[in-house]
Amino acid sequence: MRALETVSVEVPEAAVPAYEAALRMACGTVGFFRHDRSGEWRVEGVKEPGEREAALADGLALAATASGFAAKLVRRRIPAEGWLARTQAAFPEQRIGRFILRGTHLPERSEPGRITLLLDAGVAFGSGEHGSTRGCLRALERVAHRRPVRVLDLGTGSGVLAMAAARLLRRPVLGVDIEPWSVRTASDNAARNRLRPRLRCILADGWRHRAVRMAGPFDLVFANILARPLCAMARDLARGLAPGGTAILAGLLGAQMRLVLAAHRRQGLRLEQVVCEQGWTTLVLRKPAKPELCPAR
């Protein structure tokens, strides 16, 4: 097997989203790790040595400008099998509410009353250990009683949220991502969990894609991405939600919550719940069932 390379940066909390986006420009897998003593974060990606170096350099430059923090990049060569073994060791079974997320390297077993999803242990992000994923799963349980019919997962990644919704709600789910690697991974995980054709994964640039527009309006939308893209798509999200529909937004650090919330309130969405997990914030927003009328003067 070919050797792989880890690239990592140590950054303060406020700079995590910018550097996560930077490493995703070059790495198929990106993870986040918080140092308990210092409070600093390590953002780490895995790539093949020499691959996508220009994209990595551009991403790091943009991250430094956007965050105001110039991080030092650290590289380390590791055997491919060594990285997989380390990933498996760092991916124990995850229990989040009714959901059990289990890596393919662990023995299969079912538990009555629980929803078990199998995930490729080689996919570090989207395996349930990250606070943003956990927050979305908890939010999903809280809104499931509404029985949404049309469900969209924007930035589906490993497909874990789309699969959880498809299994819990027993409804068709559309998962979209701008990365071909993520679409392949989500499709493979859907097949592994016998959720095809209920879960359809496509390569799409969010709301701009015709297939996304044609499938709406949606009763439930997940968007576990980053603060700035969430703000930029607030109007499209509001238009794409059905009256009474719910949006679960995540990928936010605590300091970014007000920015994202303000952008969506301007589009008429209401805050219902805030879920906090491991320093990450998930917002549950709802579109009014009927247009609000301005009071008579």
Protein backbone atom coordinates (compact mmCIF):
# COMPACT_ATOMS: atom_id res chain seq x y z
CA MET A 1 0.00 0.00 0.00
CA ARG A 2 1.21 3.54 -0.76
CA ALA A 3 2.27 5.81 2.05
CA LEU A 4 -0.06 8.61 3.08
CA GLU A 5 0.63 12.00 4.57
CA THR A 6 -1.10 13.81 7.41
CA VAL A 7 -1.14 17.60 7.29
CA SER A 8 -2.22 19.45 10.41
CA VAL A 9 -2.43 22.89 11.99
CA GLU A 10 -2.86 24.05 15.57
CA VAL A 11 -5.37 26.90 15.74
CA PRO A 12 -7.63 28.77 18.19
CA GLU A 13 -11.31 27.89 18.20
CA ALA A 14 -12.37 30.86 16.06
CA ALA A 15 -10.04 29.77 13.23
CA VAL A 16 -11.25 26.15 13.04
CA PRO A 17 -13.88 26.62 10.29
CA ALA A 18 -11.48 28.50 7.98
CA TYR A 19 -8.71 25.90 8.31
CA GLU A 20 -11.16 22.99 8.05
CA ALA A 21 -12.26 24.41 4.70
CA ALA A 22 -8.61 24.88 3.68
CA LEU A 23 -7.63 21.27 4.36
CA ARG A 24 -10.75 19.95 2.64
CA MET A 25 -9.51 21.55 -0.58
CA ALA A 26 -6.69 18.99 -0.65
CA CYS A 27 -7.65 16.14 1.69
CA GLY A 28 -10.30 13.47 1.37
CA THR A 29 -10.56 13.14 5.15
CA VAL A 30 -10.42 15.93 7.74
CA GLY A 31 -10.80 15.62 11.50
CA PHE A 32 -10.92 17.97 14.50
CA PHE A 33 -9.27 17.41 17.88
CA ARG A 34 -9.39 19.69 20.92
CA HIS A 35 -6.55 19.82 23.45
CA ASP A 36 -8.22 19.67 26.87
CA ARG A 37 -5.52 21.62 28.68
CA SER A 38 -4.80 24.43 26.23
CA GLY A 39 -8.20 24.67 24.54
CA GLU A 40 -6.45 24.84 21.16
CA TRP A 41 -7.69 22.76 18.23
CA ARG A 42 -5.78 20.55 15.83
CA VAL A 43 -7.27 20.33 12.36
CA GLU A 44 -5.81 17.33 10.54
CA GLY A 45 -6.23 15.99 7.03
CA VAL A 46 -5.00 12.90 5.20
CA LYS A 47 -3.77 12.95 1.59
CA GLU A 48 -1.30 11.29 -0.75
CA PRO A 49 2.13 12.97 -0.69
CA GLY A 50 2.53 15.53 -3.46
CA GLU A 51 -1.15 15.53 -4.41
CA ARG A 52 -3.15 18.81 -4.64
CA GLU A 53 -0.34 20.94 -3.24
CA ALA A 54 -1.45 24.09 -5.07
CA ALA A 55 -4.99 23.74 -3.72
CA LEU A 56 -3.61 23.25 -0.20
CA ALA A 57 -1.41 26.34 -0.44
CA ASP A 58 -4.29 28.46 -1.74
CA GLY A 59 -6.60 27.19 0.98
CA LEU A 60 -4.12 27.94 3.75
CA ALA A 61 -3.56 31.46 2.44
CA LEU A 62 -7.31 32.10 2.35
CA ALA A 63 -7.74 30.66 5.85
CA ALA A 64 -5.02 32.92 7.26
CA THR A 65 -6.67 35.98 5.69
CA ALA A 66 -10.19 35.03 6.76
CA SER A 67 -9.30 34.10 10.34
CA GLY A 68 -6.48 36.58 10.98
CA PHE A 69 -4.37 33.69 12.25
CA ALA A 70 -1.39 32.31 10.31
CA ALA A 71 -1.02 28.65 11.28
CA LYS A 72 2.09 26.56 10.73
CA LEU A 73 1.49 23.45 8.64
CA VAL A 74 2.94 20.21 10.00
CA ARG A 75 3.42 17.18 7.74
CA ARG A 76 3.97 13.58 8.71
CA ARG A 77 4.31 10.48 6.51
CA ILE A 78 2.47 7.36 7.64
CA PRO A 79 1.87 3.95 6.04
CA ALA A 80 -1.64 3.63 4.64
CA GLU A 81 -2.32 0.59 6.79
CA GLY A 82 -0.97 2.43 9.83
CA TRP A 83 -3.40 5.29 9.31
CA LEU A 84 -6.32 2.90 8.94
CA ALA A 85 -5.36 1.09 12.14
CA ARG A 86 -5.12 4.39 13.99
CA THR A 87 -8.48 5.51 12.60
CA GLN A 88 -10.12 2.27 13.69
CA ALA A 89 -8.68 2.58 17.17
CA ALA A 90 -10.00 6.14 17.39
CA PHE A 91 -13.46 5.13 16.14
CA PRO A 92 -15.21 3.22 18.91
CA GLU A 93 -18.92 2.58 18.75
CA GLN A 94 -20.89 5.82 19.06
CA ARG A 95 -24.18 5.89 20.98
CA ILE A 96 -26.21 9.04 20.41
CA GLY A 97 -29.81 8.91 21.60
CA ARG A 98 -31.54 6.07 19.74
CA PHE A 99 -28.71 5.79 17.24
CA ILE A 100 -25.72 3.47 17.34
CA LEU A 101 -22.95 4.23 14.84
CA ARG A 102 -20.62 1.28 14.40
CA GLY A 103 -17.51 0.98 12.26
CA THR A 104 -17.20 -1.91 9.84
CA HIS A 105 -14.20 -3.13 11.85
CA LEU A 106 -16.47 -3.91 14.83
CA PRO A 107 -18.65 -7.03 15.22
CA GLU A 108 -22.21 -6.66 13.94
CA ARG A 109 -25.06 -6.97 16.42
CA SER A 110 -28.53 -5.48 16.70
CA GLU A 111 -30.22 -4.05 19.78
CA PRO A 112 -34.00 -3.82 20.13
CA GLY A 113 -35.28 -0.26 20.08
CA ARG A 114 -32.03 1.16 18.70
CA ILE A 115 -31.14 2.19 15.15
CA THR A 116 -27.72 0.81 14.18
CA LEU A 117 -25.84 2.28 11.22
CA LEU A 118 -22.65 0.76 9.83
CA LEU A 119 -19.95 3.14 8.63
CA ASP A 120 -16.64 2.59 6.89
CA ALA A 121 -13.99 3.00 9.57
CA GLY A 122 -11.69 4.59 7.01
CA VAL A 123 -13.92 7.66 6.88
CA ALA A 124 -12.90 9.71 9.90
CA PHE A 125 -15.28 12.66 9.56
CA GLY A 126 -18.99 11.94 9.68
CA SER A 127 -18.58 8.86 11.84
CA GLY A 128 -20.48 10.39 14.75
CA GLU A 129 -17.64 11.39 17.03
CA HIS A 130 -17.79 15.05 16.01
CA GLY A 131 -19.98 17.41 18.05
CA SER A 132 -21.76 18.83 15.00
CA THR A 133 -22.86 15.36 13.82
CA ARG A 134 -23.99 14.39 17.31
CA GLY A 135 -25.97 17.62 17.66
CA CYS A 136 -27.78 16.97 14.36
CA LEU A 137 -28.72 13.44 15.41
CA ARG A 138 -30.13 14.66 18.70
CA ALA A 139 -32.07 17.39 16.89
CA LEU A 140 -33.44 14.82 14.42
CA GLU A 141 -34.92 12.78 17.27
CA ARG A 142 -36.60 15.89 18.67
CA VAL A 143 -38.36 16.82 15.41
CA ALA A 144 -39.14 13.30 14.13
CA HIS A 145 -42.70 13.46 15.54
CA ARG A 146 -43.59 15.89 12.74
CA ARG A 147 -43.16 13.06 10.24
CA PRO A 148 -41.49 15.08 7.47
CA VAL A 149 -42.07 13.64 4.01
CA ARG A 150 -39.41 15.35 1.87
CA VAL A 151 -35.92 15.40 3.38
CA LEU A 152 -32.69 16.98 2.11
CA ASP A 153 -29.15 16.61 3.48
CA LEU A 154 -26.91 19.40 2.16
CA GLY A 155 -23.22 18.52 2.36
CA THR A 156 -23.98 14.90 3.12
CA GLY A 157 -20.34 13.81 3.60
CA SER A 158 -20.38 10.19 4.80
CA GLY A 159 -24.18 10.19 4.54
CA VAL A 160 -24.65 9.53 8.25
CA LEU A 161 -27.40 12.14 8.77
CA ALA A 162 -29.23 11.16 5.59
CA MET A 163 -29.10 7.50 6.61
CA ALA A 164 -30.31 8.27 10.13
CA ALA A 165 -33.28 10.21 8.72
CA ALA A 166 -34.11 7.51 6.17
CA ARG A 167 -34.08 4.80 8.84
CA LEU A 168 -35.91 6.74 11.56
CA LEU A 169 -38.53 8.45 9.40
CA ARG A 170 -38.87 5.71 6.76
CA ARG A 171 -38.98 8.38 4.08
CA PRO A 172 -36.96 9.01 0.91
CA VAL A 173 -33.95 11.29 1.50
CA LEU A 174 -31.88 13.24 -0.99
CA GLY A 175 -28.21 13.68 -0.04
CA VAL A 176 -26.04 16.14 -1.98
CA ASP A 177 -22.40 17.13 -1.84
CA ILE A 178 -19.96 19.08 -4.00
CA GLU A 179 -17.20 16.48 -3.52
CA PRO A 180 -17.32 13.34 -5.73
CA TRP A 181 -15.45 11.42 -3.02
CA SER A 182 -18.18 12.22 -0.48
CA VAL A 183 -20.97 11.20 -2.87
CA ARG A 184 -19.25 7.84 -3.47
CA THR A 185 -18.76 7.30 0.25
CA ALA A 186 -22.36 8.18 1.11
CA SER A 187 -23.67 5.90 -1.66
CA ASP A 188 -21.49 3.03 -0.44
CA ASN A 189 -22.66 3.52 3.14
CA ALA A 190 -26.30 3.60 1.99
CA ALA A 191 -25.81 0.29 0.19
CA ARG A 192 -24.02 -1.17 3.22
CA ASN A 193 -27.04 -0.30 5.38
CA ARG A 194 -29.58 -1.52 2.81
CA LEU A 195 -31.02 1.96 2.41
CA ARG A 196 -31.00 2.13 -1.36
CA PRO A 197 -33.08 3.30 -3.17
CA ARG A 198 -34.64 5.17 -0.21
CA LEU A 199 -31.46 7.27 0.03
CA ARG A 200 -30.28 8.94 -3.20
CA CYS A 201 -26.90 10.71 -3.23
CA ILE A 202 -25.97 13.12 -6.03
CA LEU A 203 -23.13 15.47 -6.92
CA ALA A 204 -24.64 18.96 -6.68
CA ASP A 205 -23.77 22.52 -5.71
CA GLY A 206 -26.53 22.92 -3.17
CA TRP A 207 -29.66 24.84 -4.08
CA ARG A 208 -28.30 25.75 -7.53
CA HIS A 209 -28.76 22.22 -8.85
CA ARG A 210 -31.98 21.57 -10.76
CA ALA A 211 -32.51 18.18 -9.10
CA VAL A 212 -32.51 19.84 -5.68
CA ARG A 213 -34.96 22.54 -6.72
CA MET A 214 -37.25 20.01 -8.40
CA ALA A 215 -37.32 17.72 -5.34
CA GLY A 216 -38.53 20.51 -3.00
CA PRO A 217 -40.04 22.13 -1.16
CA PHE A 218 -38.63 20.14 1.76
CA ASP A 219 -40.15 19.41 5.14
CA LEU A 220 -36.73 18.82 6.72
CA VAL A 221 -33.30 20.10 5.67
CA PHE A 222 -29.94 19.25 7.25
CA ALA A 223 -27.00 21.58 6.57
CA ASN A 224 -23.96 20.56 8.61
CA ILE A 225 -21.39 22.76 6.88
CA LEU A 226 -19.77 26.09 7.84
CA ALA A 227 -21.05 29.43 9.13
CA ARG A 228 -20.35 31.58 6.06
CA PRO A 229 -21.94 29.20 3.51
CA LEU A 230 -24.95 28.86 5.81
CA CYS A 231 -25.38 32.64 5.89
CA ALA A 232 -24.95 32.88 2.12
CA MET A 233 -27.67 30.30 1.43
CA ALA A 234 -30.19 31.57 4.00
CA ARG A 235 -32.56 32.96 1.35
CA ASP A 236 -32.42 29.77 -0.74
CA LEU A 237 -33.03 27.67 2.36
CA ALA A 238 -36.09 29.71 3.32
CA ARG A 239 -37.48 29.37 -0.21
CA GLY A 240 -36.71 25.65 -0.33
CA LEU A 241 -38.49 24.87 2.95
CA ALA A 242 -42.16 23.95 2.86
CA PRO A 243 -44.49 25.95 5.16
CA GLY A 244 -44.01 24.50 8.64
CA GLY A 245 -40.72 22.90 7.52
CA THR A 246 -37.69 22.44 9.78
CA ALA A 247 -34.02 23.24 9.17
CA ILE A 248 -31.22 21.72 11.26
CA LEU A 249 -28.07 23.82 10.84
CA ALA A 250 -24.70 22.79 12.26
CA GLY A 251 -20.93 23.10 11.90
CA LEU A 252 -20.99 26.19 14.12
CA LEU A 253 -18.79 27.23 16.98
CA GLY A 254 -20.59 29.05 19.77
CA ALA A 255 -19.36 32.48 18.69
CA GLN A 256 -20.87 32.01 15.21
CA MET A 257 -24.40 31.20 16.33
CA ARG A 258 -25.69 34.79 16.37
CA LEU A 259 -24.35 35.51 12.88
CA VAL A 260 -26.06 32.49 11.35
CA LEU A 261 -29.25 32.95 13.34
CA ALA A 262 -29.56 36.61 12.29
CA ALA A 263 -29.19 35.70 8.60
CA HIS A 264 -32.04 33.19 8.80
CA ARG A 265 -34.31 35.32 10.96
CA ARG A 266 -34.15 37.97 8.25
CA GLN A 267 -35.68 35.34 5.93
CA GLY A 268 -38.57 34.71 8.30
CA LEU A 269 -37.33 31.53 10.02
CA ARG A 270 -37.83 31.08 13.76
CA LEU A 271 -35.45 29.56 16.28
CA GLU A 272 -36.94 26.54 18.05
CA GLN A 273 -34.00 24.85 19.77
CA VAL A 274 -30.26 25.10 20.34
CA VAL A 275 -28.31 21.86 20.82
CA CYS A 276 -24.73 22.07 22.15
CA GLU A 277 -22.28 19.16 21.86
CA GLN A 278 -18.54 19.26 22.58
CA GLY A 279 -18.29 23.01 21.94
CA TRP A 280 -20.28 22.88 18.68
CA THR A 281 -23.73 24.41 18.21
CA THR A 282 -26.71 23.06 16.25
CA LEU A 283 -29.68 25.31 15.45
CA VAL A 284 -33.20 24.00 14.87
CA LEU A 285 -35.18 26.55 12.85
CA ARG A 286 -38.74 26.43 11.55
CA LYS A 287 -40.59 28.18 8.76
CA PRO A 288 -44.02 29.46 9.81
CA ALA A 289 -46.88 27.35 8.51
CA LYS A 290 -48.62 30.49 7.26
CA PRO A 291 -47.19 33.85 6.12
CA GLU A 292 -47.04 36.28 9.02
CA LEU A 293 -49.18 39.37 8.63
CA CYS A 294 -47.94 42.79 9.59
CA PRO A 295 -50.08 44.35 12.35
CA ALA A 296 -52.53 47.05 11.24
CA ARG A 297 -51.47 50.61 11.97
